[in-house]
Every structure is written in structure tokens, then in C-alpha cells.
Amino acid sequence: MAGGWARDGAVNEQIEASISDELQRMRAAQARAKAESRTHCAECEEPIPEARRAARPGVQLCIDCQQERDGSYNARGGINRRGSKDSQLK
């Protein structure tokens, strides 16, 4: 049964697409964690201490570059990305 302007199954398609996107993001993060740690930072080429490489398997960035990256905000698409009536009401 469709609700509002949506066709049958549109809500379920949105939910499945959102779950699929999040699973893909999590699998990519998991693959990065299993990768071999770098000895030098991927951005600034400074050496990465052995203790950091041991504590964070798959580390690619030095502490300074990682803190800079963590401080920046990356907006991701929301759940309701097809511009349905529900998103216009909020």
C-alpha cells in the first residue's frame, strides 16, 4: 500500500538502500583496518611511531593528520533521499 505520493514499496526501497550504503561503508572501514600499517604518513610523509602502528593496525596517517581529519565534518546523505512528501514536511 502506497502512502501519500509514494508508489508501492518505495519506503522499503529507501530503507534497503540506506542499509546497503551503511554496510558498504562499514565493510570498507573494516578492510582498511586489516590493511598493512604504513611506516610513514600518507599525507605528510612523517614517520608513524611503532607504538601507534601496533595499537592501530592498518594505520595510514600520523596523529596530527588524523586529528585534523577527525576534526573536519563530512556530511553524508540522509535516509530520505528521494525528495518524498515526508521530507518536505520536516
C-alpha atoms as a PDB file:
ATOM      1  CA  MET A   1       0.000   0.000   0.000  1.00  0.00           C
ATOM      2  CA  ALA A   2       1.424   3.349  -1.022  1.00  0.00           C
ATOM      3  CA  GLY A   3       1.285   6.295   1.332  1.00  0.00           C
ATOM      4  CA  GLY A   4       0.974   9.866   0.134  1.00  0.00           C
ATOM      5  CA  TRP A   5       2.694  10.362  -3.209  1.00  0.00           C
ATOM      6  CA  ALA A   6       4.941   7.321  -2.910  1.00  0.00           C
ATOM      7  CA  ARG A   7       4.408   4.236  -5.023  1.00  0.00           C
ATOM      8  CA  ASP A   8       4.079   0.761  -3.551  1.00  0.00           C
ATOM      9  CA  GLY A   9       7.307  -0.432  -1.940  1.00  0.00           C
ATOM     10  CA  ALA A  10       9.050   2.974  -2.079  1.00  0.00           C
ATOM     11  CA  VAL A  11       9.574   3.152   1.676  1.00  0.00           C
ATOM     12  CA  ASN A  12      11.076  -0.334   1.800  1.00  0.00           C
ATOM     13  CA  GLU A  13      13.373   0.531  -1.118  1.00  0.00           C
ATOM     14  CA  GLN A  14      14.627   3.596   0.757  1.00  0.00           C
ATOM     15  CA  ILE A  15      15.259   1.587   3.907  1.00  0.00           C
ATOM     16  CA  GLU A  16      17.092  -1.158   1.982  1.00  0.00           C
ATOM     17  CA  ALA A  17      19.202   1.409   0.102  1.00  0.00           C
ATOM     18  CA  SER A  18      20.180   3.124   3.357  1.00  0.00           C
ATOM     19  CA  ILE A  19      21.118  -0.161   4.997  1.00  0.00           C
ATOM     20  CA  SER A  20      23.114  -1.196   1.926  1.00  0.00           C
ATOM     21  CA  ASP A  21      25.031   2.106   1.921  1.00  0.00           C
ATOM     22  CA  GLU A  22      25.891   1.793   5.608  1.00  0.00           C
ATOM     23  CA  LEU A  23      27.006  -1.840   5.235  1.00  0.00           C
ATOM     24  CA  GLN A  24      29.236  -0.850   2.334  1.00  0.00           C
ATOM     25  CA  ARG A  25      30.788   1.955   4.419  1.00  0.00           C
ATOM     26  CA  MET A  26      31.381  -0.417   7.348  1.00  0.00           C
ATOM     27  CA  ARG A  27      32.945  -3.103   5.137  1.00  0.00           C
ATOM     28  CA  ALA A  28      35.294  -0.535   3.606  1.00  0.00           C
ATOM     29  CA  ALA A  29      36.353   0.617   7.079  1.00  0.00           C
ATOM     30  CA  GLN A  30      36.898  -2.992   8.130  1.00  0.00           C
ATOM     31  CA  ALA A  31      39.051  -3.656   5.061  1.00  0.00           C
ATOM     32  CA  ARG A  32      41.158  -0.569   5.825  1.00  0.00           C
ATOM     33  CA  ALA A  33      41.715  -1.838   9.377  1.00  0.00           C
ATOM     34  CA  LYS A  34      43.006  -5.172   8.045  1.00  0.00           C
ATOM     35  CA  ALA A  35      45.432  -3.484   5.653  1.00  0.00           C
ATOM     36  CA  GLU A  36      49.095  -3.258   6.496  1.00  0.00           C
ATOM     37  CA  SER A  37      50.145  -0.207   8.500  1.00  0.00           C
ATOM     38  CA  ARG A  38      52.290   2.387   6.789  1.00  0.00           C
ATOM     39  CA  THR A  39      55.639   3.387   8.241  1.00  0.00           C
ATOM     40  CA  HIS A  40      55.183   6.989   7.044  1.00  0.00           C
ATOM     41  CA  CYS A  41      52.061   9.166   6.941  1.00  0.00           C
ATOM     42  CA  ALA A  42      50.086   9.064   3.676  1.00  0.00           C
ATOM     43  CA  GLU A  43      49.580  12.845   3.758  1.00  0.00           C
ATOM     44  CA  CYS A  44      52.683  14.480   5.246  1.00  0.00           C
ATOM     45  CA  GLU A  45      55.260  11.640   4.956  1.00  0.00           C
ATOM     46  CA  GLU A  46      56.253  11.983   8.640  1.00  0.00           C
ATOM     47  CA  PRO A  47      57.264   8.697  10.298  1.00  0.00           C
ATOM     48  CA  ILE A  48      54.483   6.918  12.195  1.00  0.00           C
ATOM     49  CA  PRO A  49      55.705   5.652  15.594  1.00  0.00           C
ATOM     50  CA  GLU A  50      55.857   1.893  16.084  1.00  0.00           C
ATOM     51  CA  ALA A  51      53.576   2.142  19.127  1.00  0.00           C
ATOM     52  CA  ARG A  52      50.828   3.742  17.006  1.00  0.00           C
ATOM     53  CA  ARG A  53      51.200   1.083  14.304  1.00  0.00           C
ATOM     54  CA  ALA A  54      50.916  -1.641  16.946  1.00  0.00           C
ATOM     55  CA  ALA A  55      47.897  -0.028  18.609  1.00  0.00           C
ATOM     56  CA  ARG A  56      46.020   0.727  15.372  1.00  0.00           C
ATOM     57  CA  PRO A  57      46.536  -1.998  12.734  1.00  0.00           C
ATOM     58  CA  GLY A  58      46.146  -0.581   9.251  1.00  0.00           C
ATOM     59  CA  VAL A  59      47.011   2.970  10.294  1.00  0.00           C
ATOM     60  CA  GLN A  60      47.694   5.279   7.343  1.00  0.00           C
ATOM     61  CA  LEU A  61      48.069   8.700   8.983  1.00  0.00           C
ATOM     62  CA  CYS A  62      50.215  10.221  11.715  1.00  0.00           C
ATOM     63  CA  ILE A  63      48.460  11.521  14.826  1.00  0.00           C
ATOM     64  CA  ASP A  64      48.448  15.168  13.673  1.00  0.00           C
ATOM     65  CA  CYS A  65      46.938  14.386  10.255  1.00  0.00           C
ATOM     66  CA  GLN A  66      44.392  12.021  11.810  1.00  0.00           C
ATOM     67  CA  GLN A  67      43.302  14.659  14.341  1.00  0.00           C
ATOM     68  CA  GLU A  68      42.924  17.193  11.537  1.00  0.00           C
ATOM     69  CA  ARG A  69      40.817  14.750   9.515  1.00  0.00           C
ATOM     70  CA  ASP A  70      38.682  13.825  12.550  1.00  0.00           C
ATOM     71  CA  GLY A  71      38.003  17.498  13.202  1.00  0.00           C
ATOM     72  CA  SER A  72      36.547  18.095   9.743  1.00  0.00           C
ATOM     73  CA  TYR A  73      32.852  17.398   9.220  1.00  0.00           C
ATOM     74  CA  ASN A  74      31.791  15.111   6.361  1.00  0.00           C
ATOM     75  CA  ALA A  75      28.074  15.293   5.735  1.00  0.00           C
ATOM     76  CA  ARG A  76      26.539  12.084   4.457  1.00  0.00           C
ATOM     77  CA  GLY A  77      23.263  11.756   2.649  1.00  0.00           C
ATOM     78  CA  GLY A  78      20.205  11.320   4.793  1.00  0.00           C
ATOM     79  CA  ILE A  79      17.820   8.426   4.881  1.00  0.00           C
ATOM     80  CA  ASN A  80      15.096  10.057   2.811  1.00  0.00           C
ATOM     81  CA  ARG A  81      16.999  10.914  -0.355  1.00  0.00           C
ATOM     82  CA  ARG A  82      14.274  10.781  -2.998  1.00  0.00           C
ATOM     83  CA  GLY A  83      12.564  14.004  -2.010  1.00  0.00           C
ATOM     84  CA  SER A  84       9.328  12.369  -0.940  1.00  0.00           C
ATOM     85  CA  LYS A  85       6.437  14.191   0.655  1.00  0.00           C
ATOM     86  CA  ASP A  86       7.691  13.219   4.126  1.00  0.00           C
ATOM     87  CA  SER A  87      10.971  15.066   3.634  1.00  0.00           C
ATOM     88  CA  GLN A  88       9.103  18.202   2.566  1.00  0.00           C
ATOM     89  CA  LEU A  89       7.038  18.208   5.752  1.00  0.00           C
ATOM     90  CA  LYS A  90      10.023  18.384   8.117  1.00  0.00           C
END
